[in-house]
Amino acid sequence: MLKLLNGLQNIMDAVVRGLDFLGPLALRVYLAPIFILAGYNKLSHIDDLVPWFASLGLPAPEVMVWLAALTEFFGGIALVAGLAVRWFAIPLMITMIVAATSAHWDNGWHALPETELTMPWEWRSDLIDEATAGKERAKEILREHSEYGQITAAGSITILKNGIEFAATYFVMLLALFFLGGGRFFSLDYWIARRFRD
C-alpha cells in the first residue's frame, strides 16, 4: 500500500513540477490590474488624496500618496511582465500593510458586511450590524422610489464595510510571489536569469 501511495505521489510531483509556472502566473495576472488601476487612480487624483492621507495620520501625506501611487502603478506593470517580481513584491507588501493599518483597521476584517462571520477574528462585528441595518434601509428607499428589480438585476445592493480583508489577501498573494518569484516561461525574470545568470 505504501509503495502504491509513494508511486501516486511521485506522479503528482512530476505533473506539478511540469506545471509549476501556473501558480505564479495566476497570482501575477490576478494582482496586476488591481494595482495598475489603483495606482493610476491615485496618480489621477493626487491633490484630492493628500488631505485624505493627512486625515489618516500618515506623515508627509503628499510624499506618501506619490509613493503609494507609483508603487502600485509600476509594481502592477512589473507583475504583468514578470519583471523583478520579488523586488516589486516588497514595496507592494509594505503598501498593503500601510493601507490595512491606516485606512482599514478601524473597520475590522471584512470588506463587506457579511451577516454571518466568515472569519473568527473579526473585531468589529458591531459594524456588521450597522451596515446590515443601513443596507435594509437603502433597500426600503430604493423599493419606494425606484425600479428596485431593475437596479438589482445584476446583483444585490450592499454597503461597504471596508475592513482589511482585501489588503490582507493581496499581502498574502504578494508574499507567495516573493517566495515563488515570477515563475517559468511567462516572466521576464525567467528569461533574464537564463541569459545572464550563472
C-alpha atoms as a PDB file:
ATOM      1  CA  MET A   1       0.000   0.000   0.000  1.00  0.00           C
ATOM      2  CA  LEU A   2       2.805   2.389   0.914  1.00  0.00           C
ATOM      3  CA  LYS A   3       4.531   1.635  -2.388  1.00  0.00           C
ATOM      4  CA  LEU A   4       1.313   2.483  -4.282  1.00  0.00           C
ATOM      5  CA  LEU A   5       0.877   5.756  -2.361  1.00  0.00           C
ATOM      6  CA  ASN A   6       4.507   6.708  -2.989  1.00  0.00           C
ATOM      7  CA  GLY A   7       4.070   5.952  -6.683  1.00  0.00           C
ATOM      8  CA  LEU A   8       0.953   8.116  -6.866  1.00  0.00           C
ATOM      9  CA  GLN A   9       2.771  10.904  -5.032  1.00  0.00           C
ATOM     10  CA  ASN A  10       5.682  10.657  -7.479  1.00  0.00           C
ATOM     11  CA  ILE A  11       3.269  11.028 -10.407  1.00  0.00           C
ATOM     12  CA  MET A  12       1.636  14.027  -8.733  1.00  0.00           C
ATOM     13  CA  ASP A  13       5.042  15.600  -8.066  1.00  0.00           C
ATOM     14  CA  ALA A  14       6.105  15.145 -11.697  1.00  0.00           C
ATOM     15  CA  VAL A  15       2.885  16.702 -13.029  1.00  0.00           C
ATOM     16  CA  VAL A  16       3.062  19.619 -10.603  1.00  0.00           C
ATOM     17  CA  ARG A  17       6.734  20.268 -11.402  1.00  0.00           C
ATOM     18  CA  GLY A  18       5.875  20.460 -15.078  1.00  0.00           C
ATOM     19  CA  LEU A  19       3.110  23.000 -14.454  1.00  0.00           C
ATOM     20  CA  ASP A  20       4.598  24.922 -11.526  1.00  0.00           C
ATOM     21  CA  PHE A  21       4.713  28.126 -13.586  1.00  0.00           C
ATOM     22  CA  LEU A  22       0.897  28.360 -13.480  1.00  0.00           C
ATOM     23  CA  GLY A  23       0.698  29.372  -9.797  1.00  0.00           C
ATOM     24  CA  PRO A  24       2.909  32.469 -10.027  1.00  0.00           C
ATOM     25  CA  LEU A  25       1.402  33.360 -13.408  1.00  0.00           C
ATOM     26  CA  ALA A  26      -2.136  33.228 -11.996  1.00  0.00           C
ATOM     27  CA  LEU A  27      -1.162  35.371  -8.993  1.00  0.00           C
ATOM     28  CA  ARG A  28       0.546  37.937 -11.224  1.00  0.00           C
ATOM     29  CA  VAL A  29      -2.321  38.140 -13.738  1.00  0.00           C
ATOM     30  CA  TYR A  30      -4.844  38.488 -10.916  1.00  0.00           C
ATOM     31  CA  LEU A  31      -2.972  41.164  -8.951  1.00  0.00           C
ATOM     32  CA  ALA A  32      -1.542  43.255 -11.798  1.00  0.00           C
ATOM     33  CA  PRO A  33      -4.720  45.033 -12.974  1.00  0.00           C
ATOM     34  CA  ILE A  34      -5.763  45.701  -9.373  1.00  0.00           C
ATOM     35  CA  PHE A  35      -2.501  47.519  -8.666  1.00  0.00           C
ATOM     36  CA  ILE A  36      -2.256  49.241 -12.045  1.00  0.00           C
ATOM     37  CA  LEU A  37      -5.777  50.682 -11.710  1.00  0.00           C
ATOM     38  CA  ALA A  38      -5.293  51.631  -8.049  1.00  0.00           C
ATOM     39  CA  GLY A  39      -2.029  53.379  -8.887  1.00  0.00           C
ATOM     40  CA  TYR A  40      -3.480  55.093 -11.951  1.00  0.00           C
ATOM     41  CA  ASN A  41      -6.473  56.348  -9.951  1.00  0.00           C
ATOM     42  CA  LYS A  42      -4.161  57.734  -7.279  1.00  0.00           C
ATOM     43  CA  LEU A  43      -1.952  59.403  -9.906  1.00  0.00           C
ATOM     44  CA  SER A  44      -5.073  60.953 -11.463  1.00  0.00           C
ATOM     45  CA  HIS A  45      -6.296  62.351  -8.118  1.00  0.00           C
ATOM     46  CA  ILE A  46      -3.134  63.229  -6.194  1.00  0.00           C
ATOM     47  CA  ASP A  47      -4.461  66.592  -4.981  1.00  0.00           C
ATOM     48  CA  ASP A  48      -7.695  65.015  -3.687  1.00  0.00           C
ATOM     49  CA  LEU A  49      -5.859  62.229  -1.869  1.00  0.00           C
ATOM     50  CA  VAL A  50      -3.294  64.328   0.013  1.00  0.00           C
ATOM     51  CA  PRO A  51      -5.865  65.671   2.545  1.00  0.00           C
ATOM     52  CA  TRP A  52      -7.302  62.169   2.979  1.00  0.00           C
ATOM     53  CA  PHE A  53      -3.854  60.671   3.627  1.00  0.00           C
ATOM     54  CA  ALA A  54      -3.256  63.513   6.120  1.00  0.00           C
ATOM     55  CA  SER A  55      -6.560  62.702   7.866  1.00  0.00           C
ATOM     56  CA  LEU A  56      -5.327  59.118   8.308  1.00  0.00           C
ATOM     57  CA  GLY A  57      -2.394  60.467  10.308  1.00  0.00           C
ATOM     58  CA  LEU A  58       0.218  59.470   7.747  1.00  0.00           C
ATOM     59  CA  PRO A  59       3.433  61.508   7.882  1.00  0.00           C
ATOM     60  CA  ALA A  60       4.340  63.586   4.807  1.00  0.00           C
ATOM     61  CA  PRO A  61       0.992  62.815   3.142  1.00  0.00           C
ATOM     62  CA  GLU A  62       1.968  64.217  -0.262  1.00  0.00           C
ATOM     63  CA  VAL A  63       5.064  62.026  -0.372  1.00  0.00           C
ATOM     64  CA  MET A  64       3.043  59.029   0.823  1.00  0.00           C
ATOM     65  CA  VAL A  65       0.413  59.496  -1.911  1.00  0.00           C
ATOM     66  CA  TRP A  66       3.117  59.639  -4.564  1.00  0.00           C
ATOM     67  CA  LEU A  67       4.908  56.603  -3.116  1.00  0.00           C
ATOM     68  CA  ALA A  68       1.687  54.564  -2.974  1.00  0.00           C
ATOM     69  CA  ALA A  69       0.591  55.625  -6.468  1.00  0.00           C
ATOM     70  CA  LEU A  70       3.938  54.943  -8.146  1.00  0.00           C
ATOM     71  CA  THR A  71       4.481  51.681  -6.258  1.00  0.00           C
ATOM     72  CA  GLU A  72       1.061  50.357  -7.241  1.00  0.00           C
ATOM     73  CA  PHE A  73       1.189  51.548 -10.857  1.00  0.00           C
ATOM     74  CA  PHE A  74       4.719  50.438 -11.735  1.00  0.00           C
ATOM     75  CA  GLY A  75       4.519  47.402  -9.451  1.00  0.00           C
ATOM     76  CA  GLY A  76       1.420  46.264 -11.325  1.00  0.00           C
ATOM     77  CA  ILE A  77       3.172  46.714 -14.669  1.00  0.00           C
ATOM     78  CA  ALA A  78       6.161  44.736 -13.358  1.00  0.00           C
ATOM     79  CA  LEU A  79       3.835  41.940 -12.245  1.00  0.00           C
ATOM     80  CA  VAL A  80       2.284  41.720 -15.722  1.00  0.00           C
ATOM     81  CA  ALA A  81       5.721  41.488 -17.292  1.00  0.00           C
ATOM     82  CA  GLY A  82       7.110  39.209 -14.617  1.00  0.00           C
ATOM     83  CA  LEU A  83       9.977  41.658 -14.173  1.00  0.00           C
ATOM     84  CA  ALA A  84      11.754  41.966 -10.812  1.00  0.00           C
ATOM     85  CA  VAL A  85       8.744  40.290  -9.210  1.00  0.00           C
ATOM     86  CA  ARG A  86      10.432  39.624  -5.875  1.00  0.00           C
ATOM     87  CA  TRP A  87      11.809  43.174  -5.715  1.00  0.00           C
ATOM     88  CA  PHE A  88       8.451  44.783  -6.506  1.00  0.00           C
ATOM     89  CA  ALA A  89       6.622  42.468  -4.096  1.00  0.00           C
ATOM     90  CA  ILE A  90       8.436  44.125  -1.174  1.00  0.00           C
ATOM     91  CA  PRO A  91       7.173  47.732  -1.626  1.00  0.00           C
ATOM     92  CA  LEU A  92       3.744  46.415  -2.674  1.00  0.00           C
ATOM     93  CA  MET A  93       3.528  44.400   0.575  1.00  0.00           C
ATOM     94  CA  ILE A  94       4.565  47.475   2.547  1.00  0.00           C
ATOM     95  CA  THR A  95       1.856  49.472   0.765  1.00  0.00           C
ATOM     96  CA  MET A  96      -0.722  46.838   1.760  1.00  0.00           C
ATOM     97  CA  ILE A  97       0.447  46.953   5.391  1.00  0.00           C
ATOM     98  CA  VAL A  98       0.149  50.750   5.432  1.00  0.00           C
ATOM     99  CA  ALA A  99      -3.304  50.603   3.781  1.00  0.00           C
ATOM    100  CA  ALA A 100      -4.538  47.941   6.205  1.00  0.00           C
ATOM    101  CA  THR A 101      -3.284  49.666   9.338  1.00  0.00           C
ATOM    102  CA  SER A 102      -4.126  53.267   8.418  1.00  0.00           C
ATOM    103  CA  ALA A 103      -7.216  53.233   6.191  1.00  0.00           C
ATOM    104  CA  HIS A 104      -8.979  49.954   7.024  1.00  0.00           C
ATOM    105  CA  TRP A 105      -8.031  48.716  10.504  1.00  0.00           C
ATOM    106  CA  ASP A 106     -10.778  50.577  12.373  1.00  0.00           C
ATOM    107  CA  ASN A 107     -13.358  48.831  10.158  1.00  0.00           C
ATOM    108  CA  GLY A 108     -12.325  45.332  11.225  1.00  0.00           C
ATOM    109  CA  TRP A 109     -11.642  42.353   8.965  1.00  0.00           C
ATOM    110  CA  HIS A 110     -14.496  42.049   6.476  1.00  0.00           C
ATOM    111  CA  ALA A 111     -14.604  44.244   3.376  1.00  0.00           C
ATOM    112  CA  LEU A 112     -18.337  43.586   3.054  1.00  0.00           C
ATOM    113  CA  PRO A 113     -20.757  43.350   5.976  1.00  0.00           C
ATOM    114  CA  GLU A 114     -21.376  39.612   5.971  1.00  0.00           C
ATOM    115  CA  THR A 115     -24.435  38.723   8.006  1.00  0.00           C
ATOM    116  CA  GLU A 116     -22.597  35.666   9.279  1.00  0.00           C
ATOM    117  CA  LEU A 117     -18.953  35.908  10.295  1.00  0.00           C
ATOM    118  CA  THR A 118     -16.752  34.011   7.880  1.00  0.00           C
ATOM    119  CA  MET A 119     -13.602  34.763   9.849  1.00  0.00           C
ATOM    120  CA  PRO A 120     -13.455  34.188  13.592  1.00  0.00           C
ATOM    121  CA  TRP A 121     -11.060  37.099  14.112  1.00  0.00           C
ATOM    122  CA  GLU A 122     -13.499  39.851  13.039  1.00  0.00           C
ATOM    123  CA  TRP A 123     -13.089  42.523  15.717  1.00  0.00           C
ATOM    124  CA  ARG A 124     -15.772  44.931  14.503  1.00  0.00           C
ATOM    125  CA  SER A 125     -18.946  42.824  14.410  1.00  0.00           C
ATOM    126  CA  ASP A 126     -20.789  45.945  15.584  1.00  0.00           C
ATOM    127  CA  LEU A 127     -20.137  47.489  12.163  1.00  0.00           C
ATOM    128  CA  ILE A 128     -21.642  44.413  10.521  1.00  0.00           C
ATOM    129  CA  ASP A 129     -24.894  45.024  12.399  1.00  0.00           C
ATOM    130  CA  GLU A 130     -24.818  48.729  11.482  1.00  0.00           C
ATOM    131  CA  ALA A 131     -24.069  48.008   7.829  1.00  0.00           C
ATOM    132  CA  THR A 132     -26.816  45.382   7.677  1.00  0.00           C
ATOM    133  CA  ALA A 133     -29.307  47.881   9.107  1.00  0.00           C
ATOM    134  CA  GLY A 134     -28.099  50.505   6.616  1.00  0.00           C
ATOM    135  CA  LYS A 135     -28.459  48.035   3.760  1.00  0.00           C
ATOM    136  CA  GLU A 136     -32.054  47.248   4.720  1.00  0.00           C
ATOM    137  CA  ARG A 137     -32.862  50.964   4.936  1.00  0.00           C
ATOM    138  CA  ALA A 138     -31.269  51.561   1.493  1.00  0.00           C
ATOM    139  CA  LYS A 139     -33.375  48.722   0.063  1.00  0.00           C
ATOM    140  CA  GLU A 140     -36.545  50.278   1.505  1.00  0.00           C
ATOM    141  CA  ILE A 141     -35.727  53.650  -0.053  1.00  0.00           C
ATOM    142  CA  LEU A 142     -34.898  52.097  -3.419  1.00  0.00           C
ATOM    143  CA  ARG A 143     -38.086  49.986  -3.428  1.00  0.00           C
ATOM    144  CA  GLU A 144     -40.154  53.054  -2.603  1.00  0.00           C
ATOM    145  CA  HIS A 145     -38.558  55.459  -5.092  1.00  0.00           C
ATOM    146  CA  SER A 146     -37.241  53.367  -7.987  1.00  0.00           C
ATOM    147  CA  GLU A 147     -37.465  50.201 -10.027  1.00  0.00           C
ATOM    148  CA  TYR A 148     -35.719  48.012  -7.456  1.00  0.00           C
ATOM    149  CA  GLY A 149     -35.752  44.881  -9.615  1.00  0.00           C
ATOM    150  CA  GLN A 150     -34.093  46.735 -12.464  1.00  0.00           C
ATOM    151  CA  ILE A 151     -31.438  48.228 -10.177  1.00  0.00           C
ATOM    152  CA  THR A 152     -30.598  44.859  -8.617  1.00  0.00           C
ATOM    153  CA  ALA A 153     -30.813  42.776 -11.808  1.00  0.00           C
ATOM    154  CA  ALA A 154     -27.017  42.483 -11.984  1.00  0.00           C
ATOM    155  CA  GLY A 155     -26.549  41.895  -8.244  1.00  0.00           C
ATOM    156  CA  SER A 156     -27.836  42.755  -4.824  1.00  0.00           C
ATOM    157  CA  ILE A 157     -27.285  46.035  -3.000  1.00  0.00           C
ATOM    158  CA  THR A 158     -24.565  46.071  -0.380  1.00  0.00           C
ATOM    159  CA  ILE A 159     -22.913  48.521   1.979  1.00  0.00           C
ATOM    160  CA  LEU A 160     -19.117  48.526   2.027  1.00  0.00           C
ATOM    161  CA  LYS A 161     -17.668  47.823   5.468  1.00  0.00           C
ATOM    162  CA  ASN A 162     -14.149  48.458   4.130  1.00  0.00           C
ATOM    163  CA  GLY A 163     -12.151  46.291   6.528  1.00  0.00           C
ATOM    164  CA  ILE A 164      -8.628  44.980   5.948  1.00  0.00           C
ATOM    165  CA  GLU A 165      -9.733  41.806   4.133  1.00  0.00           C
ATOM    166  CA  PHE A 166      -8.633  42.816   0.631  1.00  0.00           C
ATOM    167  CA  ALA A 167      -5.355  44.403   1.745  1.00  0.00           C
ATOM    168  CA  ALA A 168      -4.544  41.305   3.816  1.00  0.00           C
ATOM    169  CA  THR A 169      -5.437  38.984   0.936  1.00  0.00           C
ATOM    170  CA  TYR A 170      -3.273  40.931  -1.511  1.00  0.00           C
ATOM    171  CA  PHE A 171      -0.442  40.895   1.029  1.00  0.00           C
ATOM    172  CA  VAL A 172      -0.607  37.097   1.291  1.00  0.00           C
ATOM    173  CA  MET A 173      -0.641  36.756  -2.517  1.00  0.00           C
ATOM    174  CA  LEU A 174       2.364  39.070  -2.787  1.00  0.00           C
ATOM    175  CA  LEU A 175       4.139  37.122  -0.069  1.00  0.00           C
ATOM    176  CA  ALA A 176       3.666  33.961  -2.136  1.00  0.00           C
ATOM    177  CA  LEU A 177       5.105  35.764  -5.174  1.00  0.00           C
ATOM    178  CA  PHE A 178       8.036  36.966  -3.099  1.00  0.00           C
ATOM    179  CA  PHE A 179       8.972  33.357  -2.345  1.00  0.00           C
ATOM    180  CA  LEU A 180       7.927  31.847  -5.700  1.00  0.00           C
ATOM    181  CA  GLY A 181       9.199  34.592  -7.993  1.00  0.00           C
ATOM    182  CA  GLY A 182       7.652  35.283 -11.378  1.00  0.00           C
ATOM    183  CA  GLY A 183       7.597  31.664 -12.457  1.00  0.00           C
ATOM    184  CA  ARG A 184       8.936  29.917 -15.538  1.00  0.00           C
ATOM    185  CA  PHE A 185       8.331  30.706 -19.197  1.00  0.00           C
ATOM    186  CA  PHE A 186       5.865  33.620 -18.864  1.00  0.00           C
ATOM    187  CA  SER A 187       8.044  36.065 -16.940  1.00  0.00           C
ATOM    188  CA  LEU A 188      10.917  38.284 -17.986  1.00  0.00           C
ATOM    189  CA  ASP A 189      12.704  37.276 -14.786  1.00  0.00           C
ATOM    190  CA  TYR A 190      12.895  33.704 -16.069  1.00  0.00           C
ATOM    191  CA  TRP A 191      14.347  34.665 -19.454  1.00  0.00           C
ATOM    192  CA  ILE A 192      16.750  37.229 -17.975  1.00  0.00           C
ATOM    193  CA  ALA A 193      18.004  34.643 -15.480  1.00  0.00           C
ATOM    194  CA  ARG A 194      18.519  32.080 -18.254  1.00  0.00           C
ATOM    195  CA  ARG A 195      20.507  34.570 -20.300  1.00  0.00           C
ATOM    196  CA  PHE A 196      22.554  36.447 -17.712  1.00  0.00           C
ATOM    197  CA  ARG A 197      22.813  34.442 -14.503  1.00  0.00           C
ATOM    198  CA  ASP A 198      25.185  31.561 -13.845  1.00  0.00           C
END
